Protein backbone atom coordinates (compact mmCIF):
# COMPACT_ATOMS: atom_id res chain seq x y z
CA MET A 1 0.00 0.00 0.00
CA THR A 2 2.89 2.35 0.73
CA ASP A 3 4.13 1.98 -2.87
CA GLY A 4 0.68 2.86 -4.15
CA LEU A 5 0.50 6.05 -2.06
CA PHE A 6 3.95 7.08 -3.16
CA SER A 7 3.25 6.48 -6.85
CA VAL A 8 0.10 8.59 -6.75
CA ALA A 9 1.89 11.42 -4.96
CA PHE A 10 4.80 11.21 -7.40
CA ARG A 11 2.47 11.45 -10.38
CA MET A 12 1.08 14.68 -8.92
CA HIS A 13 4.58 16.12 -9.09
CA THR A 14 5.25 15.03 -12.67
CA LEU A 15 2.23 16.54 -14.38
CA SER A 16 2.13 17.43 -18.05
CA GLN A 17 0.52 20.75 -17.03
CA PRO A 18 2.82 22.05 -14.26
CA SER A 19 1.50 25.61 -14.53
CA LEU A 20 -1.81 24.49 -13.01
CA PHE A 21 -0.28 23.05 -9.86
CA GLN A 22 3.03 24.75 -9.11
CA MET A 23 5.76 23.26 -6.97
CA ASP A 24 4.90 25.52 -4.03
CA ASP A 25 1.27 24.42 -4.28
CA PHE A 26 2.30 20.77 -4.33
CA ARG A 27 4.66 21.24 -1.41
CA GLN A 28 1.99 22.85 0.75
CA PHE A 29 -0.61 20.30 -0.30
CA PHE A 30 1.67 17.40 0.56
CA ILE A 31 2.71 18.90 3.90
CA ASP A 32 -0.91 19.55 4.87
CA PHE A 33 -1.94 16.09 3.69
CA GLN A 34 0.84 14.15 5.39
CA ASP A 35 0.96 16.14 8.63
CA HIS A 36 -2.71 16.79 9.25
CA LEU A 37 -5.08 14.82 7.02
CA ALA A 38 -3.40 11.44 6.53
CA PRO A 39 -3.40 10.60 10.27
CA ARG A 40 -7.21 10.80 10.15
CA LEU A 41 -7.61 8.49 7.15
CA ASP A 42 -7.10 4.76 6.75
CA VAL A 43 -4.80 3.52 3.98
CA TYR A 44 -7.64 2.98 1.51
CA GLU A 45 -8.97 6.49 2.11
CA GLN A 46 -5.50 7.94 1.64
CA ALA A 47 -5.01 6.14 -1.68
CA ILE A 48 -8.42 7.22 -3.00
CA TYR A 49 -7.99 10.80 -1.82
CA LEU A 50 -4.60 11.16 -3.53
CA TYR A 51 -5.87 9.53 -6.71
CA VAL A 52 -8.81 11.95 -6.85
CA ALA A 53 -6.45 14.88 -6.17
CA ARG A 54 -4.24 13.73 -9.07
CA HIS A 55 -7.20 13.91 -11.47
CA ASN A 56 -8.74 16.98 -9.90
CA VAL A 57 -6.84 19.97 -8.49
CA ALA A 58 -3.53 18.71 -9.90
CA VAL A 59 -4.79 19.46 -13.41
CA GLY A 60 -6.56 22.68 -12.53
CA LYS A 61 -10.03 21.25 -11.87
CA ARG A 62 -12.25 21.23 -8.82
CA ASP A 63 -14.29 18.22 -9.91
CA ALA A 64 -13.58 15.18 -12.04
CA LEU A 65 -15.43 12.16 -13.42
CA ILE A 66 -13.66 8.97 -12.31
CA GLY A 67 -14.58 5.45 -13.30
CA PHE A 68 -13.51 3.51 -10.25
CA LYS A 69 -14.16 0.12 -11.87
CA SER A 70 -10.92 0.57 -13.80
CA ALA A 71 -9.29 3.26 -11.63
CA ARG A 72 -9.20 0.98 -8.59
CA LYS A 73 -6.63 -1.15 -10.37
CA LYS A 74 -4.27 1.84 -10.67
CA MET A 75 -4.42 3.13 -7.11
CA ALA A 76 -2.73 0.61 -4.88
CA PHE A 77 -2.65 -3.00 -3.86
CA GLY A 78 -5.27 -4.09 -1.38
CA VAL A 79 -4.50 -5.26 2.10
CA GLY A 80 -6.36 -8.53 1.59
CA LYS A 81 -5.20 -11.10 -0.94
CA ALA A 82 -1.65 -10.25 -2.01
CA GLY A 83 -1.33 -8.44 -5.31
CA THR A 84 -5.04 -7.70 -5.81
CA SER A 85 -6.69 -4.31 -6.10
CA PRO A 86 -9.37 -3.18 -3.65
CA SER A 87 -12.86 -4.26 -4.66
CA GLU A 88 -15.46 -1.86 -6.04
CA GLY A 89 -17.44 -2.34 -2.86
CA ILE A 90 -14.50 -1.20 -0.74
CA ILE A 91 -13.89 1.78 -3.05
CA TYR A 92 -17.47 3.04 -2.78
CA GLU A 93 -17.55 2.40 0.95
CA LYS A 94 -14.41 4.48 1.39
CA LEU A 95 -15.74 7.23 -0.89
CA LYS A 96 -18.69 7.58 1.43
CA SER A 97 -16.42 7.71 4.48
CA LEU A 98 -14.27 10.35 2.77
CA GLU A 99 -17.39 12.38 2.09
CA ALA A 100 -18.48 12.01 5.70
CA LYS A 101 -15.07 13.33 6.80
CA GLY A 102 -15.44 16.35 4.50
CA CYS A 103 -12.61 15.33 2.16
CA VAL A 104 -14.65 14.95 -1.02
CA LYS A 105 -18.15 15.71 -2.28
CA ILE A 106 -19.90 13.11 -4.39
CA LEU A 107 -21.64 15.27 -7.00
CA SER A 108 -23.29 12.62 -9.16
CA SER A 109 -23.21 9.04 -10.35
CA GLU A 110 -22.97 8.94 -14.15
CA ARG A 111 -22.68 6.27 -16.83
CA LEU A 112 -18.91 6.62 -17.04
CA GLY A 113 -18.24 6.91 -13.33
CA THR A 114 -18.60 9.07 -10.25
CA ARG A 115 -18.21 12.84 -10.41
CA LEU A 116 -16.30 14.09 -7.38
CA GLN A 117 -15.20 17.40 -5.98
CA ILE A 118 -12.14 17.32 -3.72
CA LEU A 119 -11.45 19.60 -0.79
CA LEU A 120 -7.84 20.44 -0.03
CA PRO A 121 -6.68 19.72 3.52
CA ALA A 122 -6.67 23.46 4.28
CA GLU A 123 -10.31 23.67 3.16
CA ILE A 124 -11.52 20.91 5.48
CA GLU A 125 -12.72 22.32 8.78
CA GLY A 126 -10.58 21.35 11.73
CA ILE A 127 -7.77 19.68 9.75
CA VAL A 128 -5.02 22.28 9.32
CA PRO A 129 -4.58 24.32 12.50
CA SER A 130 -4.74 28.06 12.07
CA ALA A 131 -1.48 29.91 12.49
CA VAL A 132 -1.27 31.44 15.93
CA PRO A 133 -0.32 35.11 15.58
CA GLN A 134 2.71 36.17 17.51
CA SER A 135 1.58 38.30 20.41
CA VAL A 136 3.36 41.59 20.94
CA PRO A 137 4.49 41.99 24.56
CA SER A 138 3.00 44.86 26.49
CA LEU A 139 5.24 47.90 26.57
CA GLU A 140 5.29 47.65 30.36
CA ASP A 141 6.83 44.18 30.19
CA VAL A 142 9.61 44.92 27.68
CA ASP A 143 13.28 44.82 28.67
CA PHE A 144 14.83 48.06 27.42
CA PHE A 145 18.20 47.44 29.04
CA GLY A 146 19.21 43.88 28.21
CA VAL A 147 18.04 43.82 24.58
CA ALA A 148 20.28 45.71 22.13
CA GLU A 149 17.46 46.59 19.75
CA ASN A 150 15.45 48.06 22.59
CA ARG A 151 18.40 50.08 23.90
CA SER A 152 18.45 51.82 20.52
CA ARG A 153 14.79 52.73 21.05
CA ILE A 154 15.76 54.53 24.26
CA LEU A 155 18.47 56.45 22.42
CA ALA A 156 15.92 57.45 19.80
CA ARG A 157 13.45 58.51 22.49
CA GLU A 158 16.13 60.79 23.97
CA SER A 159 16.97 62.12 20.47
CA TRP A 160 20.54 61.00 21.12
CA ARG A 161 21.00 63.44 23.99
CA CYS A 162 21.98 62.72 27.57
CA PHE A 163 18.89 62.54 29.76
CA TYR A 164 20.71 64.40 32.54
CA CYS A 165 22.92 67.07 30.98
CA SER A 166 21.44 67.17 27.43
CA SER A 167 24.86 66.80 25.81
CA LYS A 168 24.93 65.25 22.35
CA LEU A 169 25.52 61.49 22.30
CA ASP A 170 27.30 59.40 19.68
CA GLU A 171 28.11 55.73 19.15
CA ASN A 172 31.16 55.93 21.43
CA ASN A 173 29.74 58.13 24.15
CA ASN A 174 26.43 56.71 25.28
CA VAL A 175 25.26 54.45 28.06
CA ILE A 176 21.80 53.07 28.75
CA GLU A 177 21.50 53.38 32.49
CA HIS A 178 19.03 52.86 35.30
CA VAL A 179 17.44 55.88 36.92
CA VAL A 180 16.86 53.76 40.04
CA SER A 181 19.79 51.39 40.33
CA ARG A 182 19.26 47.65 40.41
CA PRO A 183 18.12 45.59 42.17
CA ALA A 184 15.50 48.13 43.28
CA GLY A 185 15.03 49.43 39.73
CA ASP A 186 13.85 47.40 36.74
CA ASN A 187 14.62 47.42 33.01
CA SER A 188 11.37 49.07 31.92
CA TYR A 189 11.16 52.21 29.78
CA ARG A 190 10.17 54.10 32.95
CA ASN A 191 13.51 53.39 34.58
CA VAL A 192 16.15 53.40 31.83
CA VAL A 193 17.53 56.44 30.04
CA ALA A 194 20.32 57.30 27.65
CA ALA A 195 23.22 59.12 29.28
CA CYS A 196 26.71 60.27 28.44
CA ARG A 197 29.53 58.33 30.03
CA GLN A 198 30.50 61.27 32.25
CA CYS A 199 27.03 61.50 33.80
CA ASN A 200 26.77 57.73 34.12
CA ASN A 201 30.09 57.61 36.02
CA ARG A 202 29.26 60.59 38.24
CA LYS A 203 25.71 59.57 39.10
CA ASN A 204 26.58 56.03 40.14
CA SER A 205 23.78 55.04 42.57
CA VAL A 206 22.79 58.60 43.55
CA ALA A 207 19.07 59.43 43.28
CA ALA A 208 18.29 61.08 39.95
CA GLU A 209 16.86 64.27 41.56
CA ASP A 210 19.98 64.68 43.68
CA PHE A 211 22.23 64.14 40.70
CA LEU A 212 20.36 66.80 38.69
CA ARG A 213 20.83 69.21 41.61
CA THR A 214 24.55 68.45 41.55
CA LEU A 215 24.69 69.29 37.84
CA TYR A 216 22.84 72.55 38.56
CA ARG A 217 25.16 73.50 41.42
CA ASP A 218 28.20 72.71 39.24
CA GLY A 219 26.90 75.00 36.51
CA VAL A 220 26.30 72.21 34.00
CA LEU A 221 22.58 73.03 33.96
CA SER A 222 20.95 76.46 34.04
CA VAL A 223 17.90 77.10 36.23
CA ASP A 224 15.54 76.53 33.30
CA GLU A 225 17.40 73.40 32.20
CA PHE A 226 17.32 72.06 35.76
CA LYS A 227 13.54 72.56 35.98
CA THR A 228 13.07 71.00 32.54
CA ARG A 229 15.11 67.91 33.48
CA LEU A 230 13.16 67.48 36.73
CA ALA A 231 9.90 67.69 34.77
CA HIS A 232 11.21 65.08 32.32
CA LEU A 233 12.14 62.83 35.21
CA GLU A 234 8.60 63.03 36.57
CA ARG A 235 7.14 62.35 33.12
CA LEU A 236 9.44 59.33 32.84
CA ARG A 237 8.12 57.90 36.10
CA LEU A 238 4.53 58.50 35.02
CA GLY A 239 5.14 56.52 31.82
CA GLU A 240 4.65 59.52 29.54
CA LEU A 241 8.05 59.22 27.81
CA ARG A 242 7.28 56.17 25.73
CA PRO A 243 9.80 54.79 23.22
CA GLN A 244 8.54 53.61 19.86
CA TRP A 245 6.99 50.17 20.22
CA PRO A 246 6.79 47.67 18.72
């Protein structure tokens, strides 16, 4: 029976009209069939389904007239007497079970055979699982310190200027640092800022407000700049200074 299934599948790949069933289509069909549909079918149902697919969607049709009296001899060997084809009775019994499983639709019984419409595995309800969309983490849960890509978002939020002294930052003179030092502080966007190396070294574990006062007393910040930086610090804590996400 395995040889029969393989030969039918192989014939689907070697069609005289490849433009109707491209390689990508075949690949997806076979993956969906083997991974999701085949485990729900017995070997007779698999052989019949693939044979119908070969004479249906594989040649650009959605229905086909198949005379199973002769076609049964081309599908596969039966599992009964060695070397014999499945009987007509078995074929029609399995066609009905395939229809019950939603794999085919029996459209009519005609003089030359049975007209069938096939449903691809992806078209059969409950066969191919839907892709689960990747959920985007909440901004509040994102690590903006340990992830390089997210550190760049903090730099962009600060417009490449030091959060404390407003000096211009570059690739060699920037540090993503914690406003509240770890372990008390976390890696959220509310607690990490871009700073110059001088401010990062001077601040150490000092509270941000106290460090800003030091910069003011040392003349690094004017009165207006000091008030502006304090206001920014409060906005940071309130979650108003959001980096671009996602």
